Amino acid sequence: DITEGRPGTLLDLKLKIVDANNCEPIQDAIVDVWSCDANGEYSGYETVYSPSGDFLEQRGAPKDMEKHSDDARPRFHQEPNNEKKFMRGAQVSNAEGEVEFLTIYPGWYPGRAPHIHIKVYVNDSEVFTSQMYFKDEETDKIHQQEAYNSKEGDRLKNEEDGIFSSTEANPIVKITEVENGVVGTCTFGVQLG
């Protein structure tokens, strides 16, 4: 459970990690996920609002250049500036390549469609980084709930999101409604070596 009590529609996120070359499950992969909460806020970062209450940005600490010396976008990433950890978690995949996180369906923030980040590590090496998205019609339905509808403005649809539209391989989480929320499933094929 990575919700830490944050409001929103419960999402039982079930992911499967497989070798992209042969579709065999990958055991002992470390799967790291994180997303914003229903209000569009990430843990670990200060949210900045205008005097009128409009969202402006999320601020982190300056990037640790030693830690990220190989990053092609040296100013893109910011380090967390507080100890909050909601909506963040990591698990080790089982023999079937599966991990499961109890989280909430993510909200949105200006410039982005709802998404969840994922990184996969095998043998201490990062082998996969991506973002997973949701069908717009499912987001429309879930975002009618109170935890999501307190924001002013319009969220972006997937095709309007610059990151989504710049890539052809955009994983879409398959959603199934259950009594107390939704179950989301997605399989990721990763390149090893």
C-alpha atoms as a PDB file:
ATOM      1  CA  ASP A   1       0.000   0.000   0.000  1.00  0.00           C
ATOM      2  CA  ILE A   2       1.686   3.179  -1.217  1.00  0.00           C
ATOM      3  CA  THR A   3      -1.329   5.486  -0.791  1.00  0.00           C
ATOM      4  CA  GLU A   4      -0.425   6.632   2.737  1.00  0.00           C
ATOM      5  CA  GLY A   5      -4.103   7.504   3.164  1.00  0.00           C
ATOM      6  CA  ARG A   6      -4.336   9.871   0.180  1.00  0.00           C
ATOM      7  CA  PRO A   7      -7.907  10.233  -1.158  1.00  0.00           C
ATOM      8  CA  GLY A   8      -8.848   8.859  -4.548  1.00  0.00           C
ATOM      9  CA  THR A   9     -10.065   5.756  -6.341  1.00  0.00           C
ATOM     10  CA  LEU A  10      -8.116   2.726  -5.153  1.00  0.00           C
ATOM     11  CA  LEU A  11      -6.032   1.170  -7.903  1.00  0.00           C
ATOM     12  CA  ASP A  12      -4.742  -2.378  -7.458  1.00  0.00           C
ATOM     13  CA  LEU A  13      -1.870  -2.109  -9.955  1.00  0.00           C
ATOM     14  CA  LYS A  14      -0.659  -5.508 -11.203  1.00  0.00           C
ATOM     15  CA  LEU A  15       2.410  -5.387 -13.435  1.00  0.00           C
ATOM     16  CA  LYS A  16       4.284  -8.133 -15.231  1.00  0.00           C
ATOM     17  CA  ILE A  17       7.900  -7.832 -16.375  1.00  0.00           C
ATOM     18  CA  VAL A  18       9.031 -10.066 -19.251  1.00  0.00           C
ATOM     19  CA  ASP A  19      12.092 -10.405 -21.469  1.00  0.00           C
ATOM     20  CA  ALA A  20      11.273  -8.537 -24.702  1.00  0.00           C
ATOM     21  CA  ASN A  21      13.160 -11.141 -26.763  1.00  0.00           C
ATOM     22  CA  ASN A  22      11.292 -14.264 -25.649  1.00  0.00           C
ATOM     23  CA  CYS A  23       8.394 -13.099 -23.422  1.00  0.00           C
ATOM     24  CA  GLU A  24       9.751 -15.152 -20.504  1.00  0.00           C
ATOM     25  CA  PRO A  25       8.963 -13.667 -17.070  1.00  0.00           C
ATOM     26  CA  ILE A  26      11.833 -11.947 -15.294  1.00  0.00           C
ATOM     27  CA  GLN A  27      12.204 -12.947 -11.647  1.00  0.00           C
ATOM     28  CA  ASP A  28      13.928 -10.683  -9.089  1.00  0.00           C
ATOM     29  CA  ALA A  29      13.564  -7.489 -11.128  1.00  0.00           C
ATOM     30  CA  ILE A  30      13.186  -4.406  -8.952  1.00  0.00           C
ATOM     31  CA  VAL A  31      10.141  -2.480 -10.140  1.00  0.00           C
ATOM     32  CA  ASP A  32       9.901   1.130  -8.986  1.00  0.00           C
ATOM     33  CA  VAL A  33       6.676   3.121  -9.538  1.00  0.00           C
ATOM     34  CA  TRP A  34       5.591   6.632  -8.639  1.00  0.00           C
ATOM     35  CA  SER A  35       2.793   9.022  -9.529  1.00  0.00           C
ATOM     36  CA  CYS A  36       1.062  12.146  -8.372  1.00  0.00           C
ATOM     37  CA  ASP A  37      -1.923  11.997  -6.035  1.00  0.00           C
ATOM     38  CA  ALA A  38      -5.525  12.919  -6.933  1.00  0.00           C
ATOM     39  CA  ASN A  39      -4.623  16.627  -6.648  1.00  0.00           C
ATOM     40  CA  GLY A  40      -1.689  16.305  -9.036  1.00  0.00           C
ATOM     41  CA  GLU A  41       0.982  16.569  -6.346  1.00  0.00           C
ATOM     42  CA  TYR A  42       4.094  14.400  -6.095  1.00  0.00           C
ATOM     43  CA  SER A  43       5.598  13.410  -2.767  1.00  0.00           C
ATOM     44  CA  GLY A  44       9.098  14.675  -2.182  1.00  0.00           C
ATOM     45  CA  TYR A  45       8.522  18.009  -3.903  1.00  0.00           C
ATOM     46  CA  GLU A  46       7.166  21.368  -2.798  1.00  0.00           C
ATOM     47  CA  THR A  47       4.031  22.428  -4.648  1.00  0.00           C
ATOM     48  CA  VAL A  48       3.910  26.135  -5.464  1.00  0.00           C
ATOM     49  CA  TYR A  49       0.618  27.992  -5.915  1.00  0.00           C
ATOM     50  CA  SER A  50      -0.089  31.561  -7.054  1.00  0.00           C
ATOM     51  CA  PRO A  51      -1.683  34.031  -4.607  1.00  0.00           C
ATOM     52  CA  SER A  52      -5.060  33.182  -6.168  1.00  0.00           C
ATOM     53  CA  GLY A  53      -4.520  29.454  -5.528  1.00  0.00           C
ATOM     54  CA  ASP A  54      -3.585  28.345  -9.049  1.00  0.00           C
ATOM     55  CA  PHE A  55      -0.992  25.579  -9.408  1.00  0.00           C
ATOM     56  CA  LEU A  56       2.318  26.997 -10.635  1.00  0.00           C
ATOM     57  CA  GLU A  57       4.946  24.270 -10.317  1.00  0.00           C
ATOM     58  CA  GLN A  58       6.539  21.575  -8.212  1.00  0.00           C
ATOM     59  CA  ARG A  59      10.014  22.440  -6.967  1.00  0.00           C
ATOM     60  CA  GLY A  60      12.760  20.087  -5.970  1.00  0.00           C
ATOM     61  CA  ALA A  61      16.307  20.487  -4.830  1.00  0.00           C
ATOM     62  CA  PRO A  62      19.040  21.060  -7.448  1.00  0.00           C
ATOM     63  CA  LYS A  63      20.028  17.935  -9.341  1.00  0.00           C
ATOM     64  CA  ASP A  64      22.821  15.820  -7.894  1.00  0.00           C
ATOM     65  CA  MET A  65      25.188  16.034 -10.872  1.00  0.00           C
ATOM     66  CA  GLU A  66      27.492  13.268  -9.600  1.00  0.00           C
ATOM     67  CA  LYS A  67      24.593  10.847  -9.238  1.00  0.00           C
ATOM     68  CA  HIS A  68      23.198  11.753 -12.689  1.00  0.00           C
ATOM     69  CA  SER A  69      26.407  12.552 -14.607  1.00  0.00           C
ATOM     70  CA  ASP A  70      25.337  10.368 -17.555  1.00  0.00           C
ATOM     71  CA  ASP A  71      21.958  12.088 -17.945  1.00  0.00           C
ATOM     72  CA  ALA A  72      21.506  13.629 -21.401  1.00  0.00           C
ATOM     73  CA  ARG A  73      19.153  16.248 -19.899  1.00  0.00           C
ATOM     74  CA  PRO A  74      21.277  17.594 -17.019  1.00  0.00           C
ATOM     75  CA  ARG A  75      18.775  20.161 -15.784  1.00  0.00           C
ATOM     76  CA  PHE A  76      15.643  18.064 -16.312  1.00  0.00           C
ATOM     77  CA  HIS A  77      15.576  16.093 -13.058  1.00  0.00           C
ATOM     78  CA  GLN A  78      15.317  17.651  -9.613  1.00  0.00           C
ATOM     79  CA  GLU A  79      16.071  15.864  -6.365  1.00  0.00           C
ATOM     80  CA  PRO A  80      13.309  15.491  -3.733  1.00  0.00           C
ATOM     81  CA  ASN A  81      13.303  18.249  -1.135  1.00  0.00           C
ATOM     82  CA  ASN A  82      11.213  16.602   1.594  1.00  0.00           C
ATOM     83  CA  GLU A  83      10.769  13.153   3.121  1.00  0.00           C
ATOM     84  CA  LYS A  84       7.194  12.467   1.960  1.00  0.00           C
ATOM     85  CA  LYS A  85       6.836   9.119   0.148  1.00  0.00           C
ATOM     86  CA  PHE A  86       3.145   8.814  -0.805  1.00  0.00           C
ATOM     87  CA  MET A  87       2.447   7.250  -4.193  1.00  0.00           C
ATOM     88  CA  ARG A  88       5.997   5.817  -4.419  1.00  0.00           C
ATOM     89  CA  GLY A  89       7.065   2.216  -4.035  1.00  0.00           C
ATOM     90  CA  ALA A  90       9.331  -0.577  -5.222  1.00  0.00           C
ATOM     91  CA  GLN A  91       8.927  -4.346  -5.237  1.00  0.00           C
ATOM     92  CA  VAL A  92      10.846  -7.377  -6.437  1.00  0.00           C
ATOM     93  CA  SER A  93       9.146  -9.475  -9.116  1.00  0.00           C
ATOM     94  CA  ASN A  94       8.167 -13.057  -8.336  1.00  0.00           C
ATOM     95  CA  ALA A  95       8.861 -16.165 -10.472  1.00  0.00           C
ATOM     96  CA  GLU A  96       6.055 -15.102 -12.839  1.00  0.00           C
ATOM     97  CA  GLY A  97       7.617 -11.637 -13.254  1.00  0.00           C
ATOM     98  CA  GLU A  98       4.759 -10.049 -11.323  1.00  0.00           C
ATOM     99  CA  VAL A  99       4.519  -7.233  -8.794  1.00  0.00           C
ATOM    100  CA  GLU A 100       1.457  -5.624  -7.241  1.00  0.00           C
ATOM    101  CA  PHE A 101       0.967  -2.158  -5.735  1.00  0.00           C
ATOM    102  CA  LEU A 102      -2.073  -0.734  -3.952  1.00  0.00           C
ATOM    103  CA  THR A 103      -2.160   2.899  -5.015  1.00  0.00           C
ATOM    104  CA  ILE A 104      -4.765   5.343  -6.290  1.00  0.00           C
ATOM    105  CA  TYR A 105      -5.728   6.285  -9.815  1.00  0.00           C
ATOM    106  CA  PRO A 106      -3.507   9.308 -10.494  1.00  0.00           C
ATOM    107  CA  GLY A 107      -4.747  12.854 -10.846  1.00  0.00           C
ATOM    108  CA  TRP A 108      -3.352  15.416 -13.248  1.00  0.00           C
ATOM    109  CA  TYR A 109      -1.324  18.594 -13.289  1.00  0.00           C
ATOM    110  CA  PRO A 110      -0.887  21.245 -15.992  1.00  0.00           C
ATOM    111  CA  GLY A 111       0.829  19.985 -19.121  1.00  0.00           C
ATOM    112  CA  ARG A 112       0.384  16.249 -18.484  1.00  0.00           C
ATOM    113  CA  ALA A 113      -2.260  13.562 -18.872  1.00  0.00           C
ATOM    114  CA  PRO A 114      -2.665  11.150 -15.909  1.00  0.00           C
ATOM    115  CA  HIS A 115       0.238   8.693 -15.837  1.00  0.00           C
ATOM    116  CA  ILE A 116       2.389   6.506 -13.576  1.00  0.00           C
ATOM    117  CA  HIS A 117       6.175   6.359 -13.872  1.00  0.00           C
ATOM    118  CA  ILE A 118       8.025   3.028 -13.892  1.00  0.00           C
ATOM    119  CA  LYS A 119      11.691   2.007 -13.724  1.00  0.00           C
ATOM    120  CA  VAL A 120      12.900  -1.587 -13.840  1.00  0.00           C
ATOM    121  CA  TYR A 121      16.276  -2.778 -12.569  1.00  0.00           C
ATOM    122  CA  VAL A 122      17.785  -6.203 -13.256  1.00  0.00           C
ATOM    123  CA  ASN A 123      21.066  -7.230 -11.623  1.00  0.00           C
ATOM    124  CA  ASP A 124      21.501  -3.689 -10.255  1.00  0.00           C
ATOM    125  CA  SER A 125      21.245  -2.146 -13.729  1.00  0.00           C
ATOM    126  CA  GLU A 126      18.419   0.086 -14.923  1.00  0.00           C
ATOM    127  CA  VAL A 127      16.979  -1.712 -17.959  1.00  0.00           C
ATOM    128  CA  PHE A 128      13.690   0.102 -18.522  1.00  0.00           C
ATOM    129  CA  THR A 129      12.132   3.521 -17.876  1.00  0.00           C
ATOM    130  CA  SER A 130       8.694   4.551 -19.060  1.00  0.00           C
ATOM    131  CA  GLN A 131       5.322   5.958 -18.134  1.00  0.00           C
ATOM    132  CA  MET A 132       2.017   4.139 -18.259  1.00  0.00           C
ATOM    133  CA  TYR A 133      -1.225   5.853 -19.213  1.00  0.00           C
ATOM    134  CA  PHE A 134      -4.967   5.242 -19.012  1.00  0.00           C
ATOM    135  CA  LYS A 135      -7.723   5.382 -21.629  1.00  0.00           C
ATOM    136  CA  ASP A 136      -9.195   8.895 -21.668  1.00  0.00           C
ATOM    137  CA  GLU A 137     -12.765   7.635 -21.260  1.00  0.00           C
ATOM    138  CA  GLU A 138     -11.806   5.737 -18.079  1.00  0.00           C
ATOM    139  CA  THR A 139     -10.078   8.821 -16.689  1.00  0.00           C
ATOM    140  CA  ASP A 140     -13.140  10.937 -17.560  1.00  0.00           C
ATOM    141  CA  LYS A 141     -15.316   8.625 -15.471  1.00  0.00           C
ATOM    142  CA  ILE A 142     -12.988   8.321 -12.467  1.00  0.00           C
ATOM    143  CA  HIS A 143     -12.099  12.010 -12.392  1.00  0.00           C
ATOM    144  CA  GLN A 144     -15.767  12.892 -11.817  1.00  0.00           C
ATOM    145  CA  GLN A 145     -15.315  11.763  -8.219  1.00  0.00           C
ATOM    146  CA  GLU A 146     -14.844  14.332  -5.471  1.00  0.00           C
ATOM    147  CA  ALA A 147     -11.149  13.633  -4.808  1.00  0.00           C
ATOM    148  CA  TYR A 148     -10.333  14.640  -8.401  1.00  0.00           C
ATOM    149  CA  ASN A 149     -12.765  17.406  -9.269  1.00  0.00           C
ATOM    150  CA  SER A 150     -11.572  20.142  -6.916  1.00  0.00           C
ATOM    151  CA  LYS A 151      -9.050  21.446  -9.464  1.00  0.00           C
ATOM    152  CA  GLU A 152      -9.850  24.248 -11.834  1.00  0.00           C
ATOM    153  CA  GLY A 153      -8.836  24.000 -15.461  1.00  0.00           C
ATOM    154  CA  ASP A 154      -8.913  21.151 -17.910  1.00  0.00           C
ATOM    155  CA  ARG A 155      -6.724  18.085 -17.811  1.00  0.00           C
ATOM    156  CA  LEU A 156      -4.975  17.034 -20.965  1.00  0.00           C
ATOM    157  CA  LYS A 157      -6.103  14.041 -22.953  1.00  0.00           C
ATOM    158  CA  ASN A 158      -3.388  11.534 -23.850  1.00  0.00           C
ATOM    159  CA  GLU A 159      -2.907  12.860 -27.390  1.00  0.00           C
ATOM    160  CA  GLU A 160      -2.409  16.402 -26.015  1.00  0.00           C
ATOM    161  CA  ASP A 161       0.354  15.293 -23.641  1.00  0.00           C
ATOM    162  CA  GLY A 162       3.746  16.137 -25.177  1.00  0.00           C
ATOM    163  CA  ILE A 163       5.471  13.050 -23.794  1.00  0.00           C
ATOM    164  CA  PHE A 164       2.656  10.686 -24.817  1.00  0.00           C
ATOM    165  CA  SER A 165       2.442  12.164 -28.316  1.00  0.00           C
ATOM    166  CA  SER A 166       6.230  12.075 -28.858  1.00  0.00           C
ATOM    167  CA  THR A 167       6.388   8.283 -28.461  1.00  0.00           C
ATOM    168  CA  GLU A 168       4.699   5.448 -30.324  1.00  0.00           C
ATOM    169  CA  ALA A 169       5.104   2.892 -27.521  1.00  0.00           C
ATOM    170  CA  ASN A 170       2.809   4.180 -24.779  1.00  0.00           C
ATOM    171  CA  PRO A 171       1.737   1.467 -22.354  1.00  0.00           C
ATOM    172  CA  ILE A 172      -1.977   1.723 -21.532  1.00  0.00           C
ATOM    173  CA  VAL A 173      -3.101   0.190 -18.247  1.00  0.00           C
ATOM    174  CA  LYS A 174      -6.071  -2.152 -18.713  1.00  0.00           C
ATOM    175  CA  ILE A 175      -8.688  -1.198 -16.107  1.00  0.00           C
ATOM    176  CA  THR A 176     -11.331  -3.489 -14.603  1.00  0.00           C
ATOM    177  CA  GLU A 177     -13.843  -2.074 -12.128  1.00  0.00           C
ATOM    178  CA  VAL A 178     -14.214  -3.860  -8.789  1.00  0.00           C
ATOM    179  CA  GLU A 179     -16.356  -3.145  -5.743  1.00  0.00           C
ATOM    180  CA  ASN A 180     -13.877  -0.899  -3.915  1.00  0.00           C
ATOM    181  CA  GLY A 181     -12.003   0.679  -6.860  1.00  0.00           C
ATOM    182  CA  VAL A 182     -10.282  -0.603  -9.986  1.00  0.00           C
ATOM    183  CA  VAL A 183      -7.705  -3.216 -10.918  1.00  0.00           C
ATOM    184  CA  GLY A 184      -5.101  -2.148 -13.452  1.00  0.00           C
ATOM    185  CA  THR A 185      -2.883  -4.564 -15.375  1.00  0.00           C
ATOM    186  CA  CYS A 186       0.016  -3.970 -17.730  1.00  0.00           C
ATOM    187  CA  THR A 187       2.892  -6.076 -19.087  1.00  0.00           C
ATOM    188  CA  PHE A 188       6.291  -4.599 -19.904  1.00  0.00           C
ATOM    189  CA  GLY A 189       8.814  -6.229 -22.213  1.00  0.00           C
ATOM    190  CA  VAL A 190      12.331  -5.138 -21.312  1.00  0.00           C
ATOM    191  CA  GLN A 191      15.595  -5.582 -23.167  1.00  0.00           C
ATOM    192  CA  LEU A 192      18.256  -7.405 -21.162  1.00  0.00           C
ATOM    193  CA  GLY A 193      21.934  -6.888 -21.846  1.00  0.00           C
END
